[in-house]
Amino acid sequence: MTKKRTQKVRFHKGDKRPPKTMRKKLSYSTEMSKEGKKIIWNVVEHPTGNIVGKYFFEEDARKLAEFQDKHKVWQVNGGIPKMFWNYIAAGHIE
C-alpha cells in the first residue's frame, strides 16, 4: 500500500495571490500639467499611474518623488492603498 502524500502549501485554501503591482518595482516621477492658467506639478506613481500629489512648486513635488523613490514606503502594499488615493490618472499607465 502506498502512502498518500499531502501537499505542503504556504498559503491556506481560499487565499489569493498578491496582485501583479506588488511584484513590480515602484517609481515616482514629476510631471507638469496646466489647470486653467495655473501650472501644477504632479507626482505620479509608476506602474499604477496614481497621482500622489499636486504641487505649485516643482521643488516640493521633486522632494516627495525623491523621498518615495529612496524609501519605497508603499512597496509592500503594491502602491498607495486606494483609500488614500486623491487622484486617479488613467492616461499615465506605462
C-alpha atoms as a PDB file:
ATOM      1  CA  MET A   1       0.000   0.000   0.000  1.00  0.00           C
ATOM      2  CA  THR A   2       1.410   3.409  -0.974  1.00  0.00           C
ATOM      3  CA  LYS A   3       1.330   6.346   1.328  1.00  0.00           C
ATOM      4  CA  LYS A   4      -0.695   9.337   0.268  1.00  0.00           C
ATOM      5  CA  ARG A   5       1.460  12.476   0.166  1.00  0.00           C
ATOM      6  CA  THR A   6      -0.031  15.695   1.356  1.00  0.00           C
ATOM      7  CA  GLN A   7       0.943  18.832  -0.435  1.00  0.00           C
ATOM      8  CA  LYS A   8       2.787  21.281   1.751  1.00  0.00           C
ATOM      9  CA  VAL A   9       1.474  24.718   0.907  1.00  0.00           C
ATOM     10  CA  ARG A  10       2.451  28.053   2.322  1.00  0.00           C
ATOM     11  CA  PHE A  11      -0.988  29.619   1.934  1.00  0.00           C
ATOM     12  CA  HIS A  12      -4.345  28.466   3.222  1.00  0.00           C
ATOM     13  CA  LYS A  13      -7.195  27.417   0.971  1.00  0.00           C
ATOM     14  CA  GLY A  14      -9.045  30.425  -0.351  1.00  0.00           C
ATOM     15  CA  ASP A  15      -6.052  32.748  -0.201  1.00  0.00           C
ATOM     16  CA  LYS A  16      -5.418  34.784  -3.316  1.00  0.00           C
ATOM     17  CA  ARG A  17      -2.108  35.552  -4.948  1.00  0.00           C
ATOM     18  CA  PRO A  18      -0.702  39.022  -4.450  1.00  0.00           C
ATOM     19  CA  PRO A  19      -1.570  41.449  -7.260  1.00  0.00           C
ATOM     20  CA  LYS A  20       0.919  41.963 -10.073  1.00  0.00           C
ATOM     21  CA  THR A  21       1.557  45.522  -8.920  1.00  0.00           C
ATOM     22  CA  MET A  22       3.185  44.147  -5.767  1.00  0.00           C
ATOM     23  CA  ARG A  23       5.708  42.208  -7.822  1.00  0.00           C
ATOM     24  CA  LYS A  24       6.835  45.259  -9.787  1.00  0.00           C
ATOM     25  CA  LYS A  25       9.140  47.973  -8.567  1.00  0.00           C
ATOM     26  CA  LEU A  26       7.522  51.285  -7.736  1.00  0.00           C
ATOM     27  CA  SER A  27       8.967  54.511  -9.031  1.00  0.00           C
ATOM     28  CA  TYR A  28       7.824  58.098  -8.804  1.00  0.00           C
ATOM     29  CA  SER A  29       8.213  60.922 -11.290  1.00  0.00           C
ATOM     30  CA  THR A  30       7.141  64.540 -11.601  1.00  0.00           C
ATOM     31  CA  GLU A  31       5.095  65.849 -14.497  1.00  0.00           C
ATOM     32  CA  MET A  32       3.931  69.341 -15.325  1.00  0.00           C
ATOM     33  CA  SER A  33       0.262  69.923 -16.075  1.00  0.00           C
ATOM     34  CA  LYS A  34      -1.792  73.023 -16.709  1.00  0.00           C
ATOM     35  CA  GLU A  35      -5.102  73.617 -14.965  1.00  0.00           C
ATOM     36  CA  GLY A  36      -6.671  76.751 -16.334  1.00  0.00           C
ATOM     37  CA  LYS A  37      -3.930  79.389 -16.205  1.00  0.00           C
ATOM     38  CA  LYS A  38      -2.028  77.697 -13.379  1.00  0.00           C
ATOM     39  CA  ILE A  39       0.920  75.358 -13.845  1.00  0.00           C
ATOM     40  CA  ILE A  40       0.708  72.406 -11.448  1.00  0.00           C
ATOM     41  CA  TRP A  41       3.388  69.762 -10.785  1.00  0.00           C
ATOM     42  CA  ASN A  42       2.059  66.205 -10.315  1.00  0.00           C
ATOM     43  CA  VAL A  43       3.883  63.377  -8.573  1.00  0.00           C
ATOM     44  CA  VAL A  44       2.988  60.200 -10.488  1.00  0.00           C
ATOM     45  CA  GLU A  45       3.431  56.660  -9.197  1.00  0.00           C
ATOM     46  CA  HIS A  46       4.501  54.075 -11.782  1.00  0.00           C
ATOM     47  CA  PRO A  47       3.312  51.442 -12.834  1.00  0.00           C
ATOM     48  CA  THR A  48      -0.080  52.217 -11.229  1.00  0.00           C
ATOM     49  CA  GLY A  49      -0.388  55.708 -12.734  1.00  0.00           C
ATOM     50  CA  ASN A  50      -1.701  57.156  -9.475  1.00  0.00           C
ATOM     51  CA  ILE A  51      -1.179  60.884  -8.950  1.00  0.00           C
ATOM     52  CA  VAL A  52       0.137  61.042  -5.406  1.00  0.00           C
ATOM     53  CA  GLY A  53       0.140  64.805  -5.028  1.00  0.00           C
ATOM     54  CA  LYS A  54      -0.247  68.107  -6.813  1.00  0.00           C
ATOM     55  CA  TYR A  55       2.090  70.984  -6.025  1.00  0.00           C
ATOM     56  CA  PHE A  56       2.521  74.559  -7.179  1.00  0.00           C
ATOM     57  CA  PHE A  57       6.321  74.471  -6.871  1.00  0.00           C
ATOM     58  CA  GLU A  58       8.479  71.937  -8.710  1.00  0.00           C
ATOM     59  CA  GLU A  59      10.887  71.639  -5.776  1.00  0.00           C
ATOM     60  CA  ASP A  60       8.120  70.389  -3.463  1.00  0.00           C
ATOM     61  CA  ALA A  61       6.985  67.785  -5.979  1.00  0.00           C
ATOM     62  CA  ARG A  62      10.551  66.639  -6.637  1.00  0.00           C
ATOM     63  CA  LYS A  63      11.210  66.350  -2.888  1.00  0.00           C
ATOM     64  CA  LEU A  64       8.262  63.969  -2.446  1.00  0.00           C
ATOM     65  CA  ALA A  65       9.214  61.913  -5.530  1.00  0.00           C
ATOM     66  CA  GLU A  66      12.827  61.536  -4.379  1.00  0.00           C
ATOM     67  CA  PHE A  67      11.752  60.554  -0.851  1.00  0.00           C
ATOM     68  CA  GLN A  68       9.351  57.888  -2.144  1.00  0.00           C
ATOM     69  CA  ASP A  69      11.958  56.574  -4.608  1.00  0.00           C
ATOM     70  CA  LYS A  70      14.568  56.315  -1.865  1.00  0.00           C
ATOM     71  CA  HIS A  71      12.500  54.754   0.933  1.00  0.00           C
ATOM     72  CA  LYS A  72       9.835  52.769  -1.016  1.00  0.00           C
ATOM     73  CA  VAL A  73       7.291  53.286   1.775  1.00  0.00           C
ATOM     74  CA  TRP A  74       4.357  51.688  -0.075  1.00  0.00           C
ATOM     75  CA  GLN A  75       6.260  48.912  -1.934  1.00  0.00           C
ATOM     76  CA  VAL A  76       4.896  46.212   0.391  1.00  0.00           C
ATOM     77  CA  ASN A  77       1.310  47.236  -0.387  1.00  0.00           C
ATOM     78  CA  GLY A  78       1.878  47.476  -4.135  1.00  0.00           C
ATOM     79  CA  GLY A  79       1.463  51.237  -4.134  1.00  0.00           C
ATOM     80  CA  ILE A  80      -0.554  53.661  -2.106  1.00  0.00           C
ATOM     81  CA  PRO A  81      -3.796  51.972  -0.953  1.00  0.00           C
ATOM     82  CA  LYS A  82      -6.975  53.050  -2.736  1.00  0.00           C
ATOM     83  CA  MET A  83      -8.426  54.600   0.401  1.00  0.00           C
ATOM     84  CA  PHE A  84      -5.578  57.163   0.365  1.00  0.00           C
ATOM     85  CA  TRP A  85      -5.786  57.978  -3.357  1.00  0.00           C
ATOM     86  CA  ASN A  86      -6.651  61.574  -4.122  1.00  0.00           C
ATOM     87  CA  TYR A  87      -6.321  61.385  -7.894  1.00  0.00           C
ATOM     88  CA  ILE A  88      -6.551  58.567 -10.422  1.00  0.00           C
ATOM     89  CA  ALA A  89      -4.794  59.204 -13.712  1.00  0.00           C
ATOM     90  CA  ALA A  90      -5.912  56.809 -16.416  1.00  0.00           C
ATOM     91  CA  GLY A  91      -3.575  58.193 -19.061  1.00  0.00           C
ATOM     92  CA  HIS A  92      -0.333  57.741 -17.104  1.00  0.00           C
ATOM     93  CA  ILE A  93      -0.105  53.939 -17.005  1.00  0.00           C
ATOM     94  CA  GLU A  94       3.032  52.655 -18.736  1.00  0.00           C
END
